[in-house]
Amino acid sequence: MSSMNEMPELVLENIIGFLDFRTVYWKDYQLLNDPFVHTLPLRMSNVSKKLNRKIKAKLLTVRMESQSEIMSILSFMEPETLEKIEFLAMDEEMEIEINEIVKTEQWRRAKKLYCTFDVSNLNVEDVSHFPEVNIPVLSISASDLDYLRKTYIRSFNFKSSWLKVRKFKDKRELSNYWGPSFYHRPYSFWYFRMKNSKENILRIMIKRYRRTDIFFQIIQLEDVPTRAIIQGYQES
């Protein structure tokens, strides 16, 4: 008969070895006085390595308070089946670096990203591959936004990007990159033609309130206001 200490590992082996999921949700349970729960991510990771098999799921939702904890969860998720990643904040002031998370195969293969904590060291190149992304950041530059614009107008599968920026000081500098905006209070709009489509248009919309919301979205040509200027596609 297995000991009590062995039983949890047997359960975890069954979970990883035989079950596939549509959604996996991990929450911080530090308030619970249960050593097994506290070490569950590490145990799952060890069992995954032992079985040489990862958990298959389309959606992974993680509510943890550090990059290392998130990394431990990502490590036993199957990258080929993972389509959407959700990172949920523990509180409104939460900030996390993601410099190690972005190196994982799970991150690179996912199609959608939804994040509610502030990313303190965002490199826009690390999120530009997502067809759909929603992420708060501490700051971003005009050159970073123009990098995203150039990436998106060349993309075949981009849909939308929503950046919620705590401090954005370069709005005036955007006119050096994109020219004057089409203004409809309280929004500023820019429109750009896509490389491989005559009907699809990249719309960039910026709204300033407590934060600066920056939206990139693909719309149809017929949805562009009559007086708005659509800028032609350029390779540079």
C-alpha atoms as a PDB file:
ATOM      1  CA  MET A   1       0.000   0.000   0.000  1.00  0.00           C
ATOM      2  CA  SER A   2       1.250   3.483  -0.839  1.00  0.00           C
ATOM      3  CA  SER A   3       2.079   5.850   1.992  1.00  0.00           C
ATOM      4  CA  MET A   4       0.155   9.096   2.486  1.00  0.00           C
ATOM      5  CA  ASN A   5       3.132  11.028   1.148  1.00  0.00           C
ATOM      6  CA  GLU A   6       3.095   9.004  -2.070  1.00  0.00           C
ATOM      7  CA  MET A   7      -0.632   9.278  -2.673  1.00  0.00           C
ATOM      8  CA  PRO A   8      -0.653  12.919  -3.877  1.00  0.00           C
ATOM      9  CA  GLU A   9       2.043  12.099  -6.456  1.00  0.00           C
ATOM     10  CA  LEU A  10      -0.029   9.159  -7.711  1.00  0.00           C
ATOM     11  CA  VAL A  11      -3.015  11.475  -8.114  1.00  0.00           C
ATOM     12  CA  LEU A  12      -0.892  14.018  -9.990  1.00  0.00           C
ATOM     13  CA  GLU A  13       0.468  11.304 -12.275  1.00  0.00           C
ATOM     14  CA  ASN A  14      -3.091  10.311 -13.136  1.00  0.00           C
ATOM     15  CA  ILE A  15      -4.005  13.929 -13.849  1.00  0.00           C
ATOM     16  CA  ILE A  16      -1.059  14.519 -16.152  1.00  0.00           C
ATOM     17  CA  GLY A  17      -0.930  11.025 -17.611  1.00  0.00           C
ATOM     18  CA  PHE A  18      -4.523  10.534 -18.659  1.00  0.00           C
ATOM     19  CA  LEU A  19      -6.505  13.784 -18.741  1.00  0.00           C
ATOM     20  CA  ASP A  20      -6.728  16.636 -21.192  1.00  0.00           C
ATOM     21  CA  PHE A  21      -8.419  19.896 -20.270  1.00  0.00           C
ATOM     22  CA  ARG A  22     -10.024  22.819 -22.017  1.00  0.00           C
ATOM     23  CA  THR A  23      -9.151  25.216 -19.193  1.00  0.00           C
ATOM     24  CA  VAL A  24      -6.577  25.103 -16.399  1.00  0.00           C
ATOM     25  CA  TYR A  25      -6.893  27.664 -13.595  1.00  0.00           C
ATOM     26  CA  TRP A  26      -4.173  28.229 -10.990  1.00  0.00           C
ATOM     27  CA  LYS A  27      -4.739  30.515  -8.024  1.00  0.00           C
ATOM     28  CA  ASP A  28      -2.480  31.587  -5.174  1.00  0.00           C
ATOM     29  CA  TYR A  29      -3.530  29.648  -2.069  1.00  0.00           C
ATOM     30  CA  GLN A  30      -0.965  31.034   0.363  1.00  0.00           C
ATOM     31  CA  LEU A  31      -3.627  31.785   2.962  1.00  0.00           C
ATOM     32  CA  LEU A  32      -4.491  28.111   3.204  1.00  0.00           C
ATOM     33  CA  ASN A  33      -2.632  26.205   5.902  1.00  0.00           C
ATOM     34  CA  ASP A  34      -1.907  23.252   3.652  1.00  0.00           C
ATOM     35  CA  PRO A  35       1.734  22.368   2.777  1.00  0.00           C
ATOM     36  CA  PHE A  36       0.633  20.141  -0.086  1.00  0.00           C
ATOM     37  CA  VAL A  37      -1.249  22.970  -1.798  1.00  0.00           C
ATOM     38  CA  HIS A  38       1.672  25.355  -1.364  1.00  0.00           C
ATOM     39  CA  THR A  39       4.053  22.945  -3.105  1.00  0.00           C
ATOM     40  CA  LEU A  40       1.570  21.812  -5.757  1.00  0.00           C
ATOM     41  CA  PRO A  41       3.129  23.680  -8.722  1.00  0.00           C
ATOM     42  CA  LEU A  42       6.573  22.218  -7.947  1.00  0.00           C
ATOM     43  CA  ARG A  43       5.087  18.744  -7.515  1.00  0.00           C
ATOM     44  CA  MET A  44       3.218  19.025 -10.806  1.00  0.00           C
ATOM     45  CA  SER A  45       6.387  20.153 -12.551  1.00  0.00           C
ATOM     46  CA  ASN A  46       8.371  17.224 -11.138  1.00  0.00           C
ATOM     47  CA  VAL A  47       5.685  14.707 -12.118  1.00  0.00           C
ATOM     48  CA  SER A  48       5.510  16.210 -15.613  1.00  0.00           C
ATOM     49  CA  LYS A  49       9.251  15.691 -16.037  1.00  0.00           C
ATOM     50  CA  LYS A  50       9.014  12.151 -14.656  1.00  0.00           C
ATOM     51  CA  LEU A  51       6.264  11.157 -17.087  1.00  0.00           C
ATOM     52  CA  ASN A  52       7.711  13.225 -19.937  1.00  0.00           C
ATOM     53  CA  ARG A  53       4.201  14.520 -20.574  1.00  0.00           C
ATOM     54  CA  LYS A  54       2.603  17.928 -20.143  1.00  0.00           C
ATOM     55  CA  ILE A  55      -0.973  18.995 -19.407  1.00  0.00           C
ATOM     56  CA  LYS A  56      -2.944  19.782 -22.536  1.00  0.00           C
ATOM     57  CA  ALA A  57      -5.297  22.749 -22.379  1.00  0.00           C
ATOM     58  CA  LYS A  58      -6.451  25.551 -24.667  1.00  0.00           C
ATOM     59  CA  LEU A  59      -6.698  28.152 -21.902  1.00  0.00           C
ATOM     60  CA  LEU A  60      -4.363  28.694 -18.969  1.00  0.00           C
ATOM     61  CA  THR A  61      -5.386  31.167 -16.259  1.00  0.00           C
ATOM     62  CA  VAL A  62      -2.818  31.961 -13.570  1.00  0.00           C
ATOM     63  CA  ARG A  63      -3.232  34.123 -10.492  1.00  0.00           C
ATOM     64  CA  MET A  64       0.160  34.230  -8.802  1.00  0.00           C
ATOM     65  CA  GLU A  65       2.299  37.025  -7.383  1.00  0.00           C
ATOM     66  CA  SER A  66       5.742  36.391  -8.877  1.00  0.00           C
ATOM     67  CA  GLN A  67       7.384  35.539 -12.173  1.00  0.00           C
ATOM     68  CA  SER A  68       8.970  32.392 -10.727  1.00  0.00           C
ATOM     69  CA  GLU A  69       5.573  31.033  -9.645  1.00  0.00           C
ATOM     70  CA  ILE A  70       4.099  31.710 -13.075  1.00  0.00           C
ATOM     71  CA  MET A  71       7.097  30.034 -14.709  1.00  0.00           C
ATOM     72  CA  SER A  72       6.561  26.909 -12.608  1.00  0.00           C
ATOM     73  CA  ILE A  73       3.000  26.648 -13.926  1.00  0.00           C
ATOM     74  CA  LEU A  74       3.952  27.269 -17.553  1.00  0.00           C
ATOM     75  CA  SER A  75       6.614  24.568 -17.404  1.00  0.00           C
ATOM     76  CA  PHE A  76       4.125  21.679 -17.339  1.00  0.00           C
ATOM     77  CA  MET A  77       1.674  23.069 -19.923  1.00  0.00           C
ATOM     78  CA  GLU A  78       1.759  21.591 -23.434  1.00  0.00           C
ATOM     79  CA  PRO A  79       2.767  24.456 -25.802  1.00  0.00           C
ATOM     80  CA  GLU A  80       1.224  22.919 -28.924  1.00  0.00           C
ATOM     81  CA  THR A  81      -2.316  22.955 -27.532  1.00  0.00           C
ATOM     82  CA  LEU A  82      -2.160  26.152 -25.463  1.00  0.00           C
ATOM     83  CA  GLU A  83      -4.012  28.937 -27.297  1.00  0.00           C
ATOM     84  CA  LYS A  84      -4.701  31.591 -24.664  1.00  0.00           C
ATOM     85  CA  ILE A  85      -2.810  32.722 -21.569  1.00  0.00           C
ATOM     86  CA  GLU A  86      -4.419  34.798 -18.827  1.00  0.00           C
ATOM     87  CA  PHE A  87      -2.357  36.374 -16.040  1.00  0.00           C
ATOM     88  CA  LEU A  88      -4.523  37.833 -13.266  1.00  0.00           C
ATOM     89  CA  ALA A  89      -3.292  40.376 -10.720  1.00  0.00           C
ATOM     90  CA  MET A  90      -3.542  39.806  -6.976  1.00  0.00           C
ATOM     91  CA  ASP A  91      -4.293  43.523  -6.473  1.00  0.00           C
ATOM     92  CA  GLU A  92      -4.465  46.806  -8.428  1.00  0.00           C
ATOM     93  CA  GLU A  93      -0.866  47.815  -7.668  1.00  0.00           C
ATOM     94  CA  MET A  94       0.743  44.543  -8.715  1.00  0.00           C
ATOM     95  CA  GLU A  95       3.796  44.743 -10.983  1.00  0.00           C
ATOM     96  CA  ILE A  96       5.747  41.798 -12.419  1.00  0.00           C
ATOM     97  CA  GLU A  97       8.694  41.473 -14.767  1.00  0.00           C
ATOM     98  CA  ILE A  98       8.211  38.961 -17.583  1.00  0.00           C
ATOM     99  CA  ASN A  99      11.733  38.781 -19.015  1.00  0.00           C
ATOM    100  CA  GLU A 100      11.915  35.014 -18.340  1.00  0.00           C
ATOM    101  CA  ILE A 101       8.286  34.215 -19.135  1.00  0.00           C
ATOM    102  CA  VAL A 102       8.658  35.536 -22.696  1.00  0.00           C
ATOM    103  CA  LYS A 103      11.422  33.020 -23.386  1.00  0.00           C
ATOM    104  CA  THR A 104       9.143  30.026 -22.901  1.00  0.00           C
ATOM    105  CA  GLU A 105       7.758  28.023 -25.792  1.00  0.00           C
ATOM    106  CA  GLN A 106       4.284  28.335 -24.267  1.00  0.00           C
ATOM    107  CA  TRP A 107       4.473  32.132 -24.574  1.00  0.00           C
ATOM    108  CA  ARG A 108       5.828  32.060 -28.125  1.00  0.00           C
ATOM    109  CA  ARG A 109       3.156  29.646 -29.392  1.00  0.00           C
ATOM    110  CA  ALA A 110       0.078  31.160 -27.725  1.00  0.00           C
ATOM    111  CA  LYS A 111      -2.363  33.108 -29.890  1.00  0.00           C
ATOM    112  CA  LYS A 112      -4.002  35.272 -27.205  1.00  0.00           C
ATOM    113  CA  LEU A 113      -2.693  37.061 -24.135  1.00  0.00           C
ATOM    114  CA  TYR A 114      -4.776  38.691 -21.414  1.00  0.00           C
ATOM    115  CA  CYS A 115      -2.967  40.270 -18.478  1.00  0.00           C
ATOM    116  CA  THR A 116      -4.212  42.422 -15.585  1.00  0.00           C
ATOM    117  CA  PHE A 117      -0.994  43.243 -13.710  1.00  0.00           C
ATOM    118  CA  ASP A 118       1.437  45.954 -14.804  1.00  0.00           C
ATOM    119  CA  VAL A 119       4.381  44.650 -16.804  1.00  0.00           C
ATOM    120  CA  SER A 120       7.409  46.591 -15.641  1.00  0.00           C
ATOM    121  CA  ASN A 121       9.924  45.716 -18.352  1.00  0.00           C
ATOM    122  CA  LEU A 122       7.930  45.184 -21.526  1.00  0.00           C
ATOM    123  CA  ASN A 123       9.816  44.691 -24.776  1.00  0.00           C
ATOM    124  CA  VAL A 124       7.222  45.169 -27.525  1.00  0.00           C
ATOM    125  CA  GLU A 125       8.972  42.571 -29.667  1.00  0.00           C
ATOM    126  CA  ASP A 126       7.896  39.987 -27.100  1.00  0.00           C
ATOM    127  CA  VAL A 127       4.173  40.689 -27.572  1.00  0.00           C
ATOM    128  CA  SER A 128       4.067  41.601 -31.270  1.00  0.00           C
ATOM    129  CA  HIS A 129       3.467  37.982 -32.358  1.00  0.00           C
ATOM    130  CA  PHE A 130       0.111  37.703 -30.550  1.00  0.00           C
ATOM    131  CA  PRO A 131      -2.913  38.104 -32.868  1.00  0.00           C
ATOM    132  CA  GLU A 132      -4.806  39.297 -29.785  1.00  0.00           C
ATOM    133  CA  VAL A 133      -3.216  40.935 -26.744  1.00  0.00           C
ATOM    134  CA  ASN A 134      -4.514  42.938 -23.778  1.00  0.00           C
ATOM    135  CA  ILE A 135      -1.843  44.099 -21.346  1.00  0.00           C
ATOM    136  CA  PRO A 136      -1.138  46.941 -18.875  1.00  0.00           C
ATOM    137  CA  VAL A 137       2.361  48.448 -18.954  1.00  0.00           C
ATOM    138  CA  LEU A 138       4.161  51.051 -16.879  1.00  0.00           C
ATOM    139  CA  SER A 139       5.448  53.001 -19.878  1.00  0.00           C
ATOM    140  CA  ILE A 140       5.943  52.810 -23.632  1.00  0.00           C
ATOM    141  CA  SER A 141       7.642  54.993 -26.234  1.00  0.00           C
ATOM    142  CA  ALA A 142       6.459  56.371 -29.559  1.00  0.00           C
ATOM    143  CA  SER A 143       9.106  54.292 -31.341  1.00  0.00           C
ATOM    144  CA  ASP A 144       7.763  51.153 -29.625  1.00  0.00           C
ATOM    145  CA  LEU A 145       4.264  51.930 -30.881  1.00  0.00           C
ATOM    146  CA  ASP A 146       5.547  52.501 -34.392  1.00  0.00           C
ATOM    147  CA  TYR A 147       7.318  49.131 -34.250  1.00  0.00           C
ATOM    148  CA  LEU A 148       3.974  47.516 -33.434  1.00  0.00           C
ATOM    149  CA  ARG A 149       2.267  49.401 -36.254  1.00  0.00           C
ATOM    150  CA  LYS A 150       4.845  48.162 -38.786  1.00  0.00           C
ATOM    151  CA  THR A 151       4.490  44.615 -37.488  1.00  0.00           C
ATOM    152  CA  TYR A 152       0.707  44.610 -37.563  1.00  0.00           C
ATOM    153  CA  ILE A 153       0.295  46.041 -41.078  1.00  0.00           C
ATOM    154  CA  ARG A 154       2.424  43.154 -42.399  1.00  0.00           C
ATOM    155  CA  SER A 155       0.576  40.488 -40.417  1.00  0.00           C
ATOM    156  CA  PHE A 156      -1.859  37.961 -41.911  1.00  0.00           C
ATOM    157  CA  ASN A 157      -3.516  37.040 -38.592  1.00  0.00           C
ATOM    158  CA  PHE A 158      -3.426  40.133 -36.371  1.00  0.00           C
ATOM    159  CA  LYS A 159      -6.804  41.098 -34.849  1.00  0.00           C
ATOM    160  CA  SER A 160      -6.426  43.517 -31.954  1.00  0.00           C
ATOM    161  CA  SER A 161      -4.040  44.887 -29.355  1.00  0.00           C
ATOM    162  CA  TRP A 162      -4.937  46.902 -26.256  1.00  0.00           C
ATOM    163  CA  LEU A 163      -2.164  48.521 -24.245  1.00  0.00           C
ATOM    164  CA  LYS A 164      -3.058  50.242 -20.970  1.00  0.00           C
ATOM    165  CA  VAL A 165      -0.154  52.567 -20.225  1.00  0.00           C
ATOM    166  CA  ARG A 166       0.363  54.105 -16.802  1.00  0.00           C
ATOM    167  CA  LYS A 167       2.788  56.801 -18.021  1.00  0.00           C
ATOM    168  CA  PHE A 168       2.819  57.850 -21.680  1.00  0.00           C
ATOM    169  CA  LYS A 169       4.687  61.056 -22.444  1.00  0.00           C
ATOM    170  CA  ASP A 170       5.298  60.633 -26.185  1.00  0.00           C
ATOM    171  CA  LYS A 171       1.858  61.300 -27.650  1.00  0.00           C
ATOM    172  CA  ARG A 172       3.008  64.509 -29.365  1.00  0.00           C
ATOM    173  CA  GLU A 173       5.995  62.667 -30.790  1.00  0.00           C
ATOM    174  CA  LEU A 174       3.648  60.234 -32.538  1.00  0.00           C
ATOM    175  CA  SER A 175       2.890  62.935 -35.125  1.00  0.00           C
ATOM    176  CA  ASN A 176       6.531  62.626 -36.262  1.00  0.00           C
ATOM    177  CA  TYR A 177       5.862  58.981 -37.060  1.00  0.00           C
ATOM    178  CA  TRP A 178       2.206  58.952 -38.108  1.00  0.00           C
ATOM    179  CA  GLY A 179       1.316  62.525 -38.992  1.00  0.00           C
ATOM    180  CA  PRO A 180      -1.729  64.380 -37.607  1.00  0.00           C
ATOM    181  CA  SER A 181      -4.489  62.330 -36.059  1.00  0.00           C
ATOM    182  CA  PHE A 182      -8.193  62.297 -36.836  1.00  0.00           C
ATOM    183  CA  TYR A 183      -9.617  63.643 -33.580  1.00  0.00           C
ATOM    184  CA  HIS A 184     -13.027  62.762 -32.222  1.00  0.00           C
ATOM    185  CA  ARG A 185     -13.146  63.694 -28.557  1.00  0.00           C
ATOM    186  CA  PRO A 186     -11.811  62.048 -26.443  1.00  0.00           C
ATOM    187  CA  TYR A 187     -10.107  59.803 -29.018  1.00  0.00           C
ATOM    188  CA  SER A 188      -7.278  60.316 -31.501  1.00  0.00           C
ATOM    189  CA  PHE A 189      -7.313  58.032 -34.567  1.00  0.00           C
ATOM    190  CA  TRP A 190      -4.838  57.016 -37.261  1.00  0.00           C
ATOM    191  CA  TYR A 191      -5.575  54.717 -40.213  1.00  0.00           C
ATOM    192  CA  PHE A 192      -3.096  52.631 -42.213  1.00  0.00           C
ATOM    193  CA  ARG A 193      -3.453  50.297 -45.175  1.00  0.00           C
ATOM    194  CA  MET A 194      -2.430  46.692 -44.711  1.00  0.00           C
ATOM    195  CA  LYS A 195       0.221  45.076 -46.876  1.00  0.00           C
ATOM    196  CA  ASN A 196      -1.891  42.205 -48.200  1.00  0.00           C
ATOM    197  CA  SER A 197      -5.440  43.544 -48.187  1.00  0.00           C
ATOM    198  CA  LYS A 198      -7.343  46.314 -49.920  1.00  0.00           C
ATOM    199  CA  GLU A 199     -10.333  46.121 -47.590  1.00  0.00           C
ATOM    200  CA  ASN A 200      -8.658  45.691 -44.197  1.00  0.00           C
ATOM    201  CA  ILE A 201      -7.401  48.804 -42.439  1.00  0.00           C
ATOM    202  CA  LEU A 202      -5.305  49.101 -39.283  1.00  0.00           C
ATOM    203  CA  ARG A 203      -6.930  51.601 -36.945  1.00  0.00           C
ATOM    204  CA  ILE A 204      -4.958  53.018 -34.044  1.00  0.00           C
ATOM    205  CA  MET A 205      -6.991  54.711 -31.340  1.00  0.00           C
ATOM    206  CA  ILE A 206      -5.647  56.541 -28.284  1.00  0.00           C
ATOM    207  CA  LYS A 207      -7.628  57.747 -25.312  1.00  0.00           C
ATOM    208  CA  ARG A 208      -6.141  59.519 -22.304  1.00  0.00           C
ATOM    209  CA  TYR A 209      -7.771  59.342 -18.889  1.00  0.00           C
ATOM    210  CA  ARG A 210      -6.155  58.030 -15.715  1.00  0.00           C
ATOM    211  CA  ARG A 211      -4.172  55.778 -17.968  1.00  0.00           C
ATOM    212  CA  THR A 212      -3.542  56.044 -21.683  1.00  0.00           C
ATOM    213  CA  ASP A 213      -5.450  53.382 -23.606  1.00  0.00           C
ATOM    214  CA  ILE A 214      -3.867  52.508 -26.955  1.00  0.00           C
ATOM    215  CA  PHE A 215      -5.867  50.272 -29.292  1.00  0.00           C
ATOM    216  CA  PHE A 216      -4.681  48.627 -32.508  1.00  0.00           C
ATOM    217  CA  GLN A 217      -7.501  46.974 -34.433  1.00  0.00           C
ATOM    218  CA  ILE A 218      -8.284  45.698 -37.907  1.00  0.00           C
ATOM    219  CA  ILE A 219     -11.426  47.294 -39.384  1.00  0.00           C
ATOM    220  CA  GLN A 220     -13.032  47.369 -42.826  1.00  0.00           C
ATOM    221  CA  LEU A 221     -12.404  50.175 -45.303  1.00  0.00           C
ATOM    222  CA  GLU A 222     -16.097  51.113 -45.240  1.00  0.00           C
ATOM    223  CA  ASP A 223     -15.849  51.798 -41.490  1.00  0.00           C
ATOM    224  CA  VAL A 224     -13.267  54.575 -41.864  1.00  0.00           C
ATOM    225  CA  PRO A 225     -14.795  58.071 -41.384  1.00  0.00           C
ATOM    226  CA  THR A 226     -15.152  60.076 -44.604  1.00  0.00           C
ATOM    227  CA  ARG A 227     -12.844  62.891 -43.518  1.00  0.00           C
ATOM    228  CA  ALA A 228     -10.137  60.628 -42.105  1.00  0.00           C
ATOM    229  CA  ILE A 229      -6.852  60.119 -43.976  1.00  0.00           C
ATOM    230  CA  ILE A 230      -5.821  56.546 -44.740  1.00  0.00           C
ATOM    231  CA  GLN A 231      -2.059  56.322 -45.032  1.00  0.00           C
ATOM    232  CA  GLY A 232      -0.687  54.038 -47.712  1.00  0.00           C
ATOM    233  CA  TYR A 233       1.383  50.976 -46.949  1.00  0.00           C
ATOM    234  CA  GLN A 234       5.131  51.527 -46.856  1.00  0.00           C
ATOM    235  CA  GLU A 235       7.810  48.883 -46.317  1.00  0.00           C
ATOM    236  CA  SER A 236      10.074  51.112 -44.222  1.00  0.00           C
END
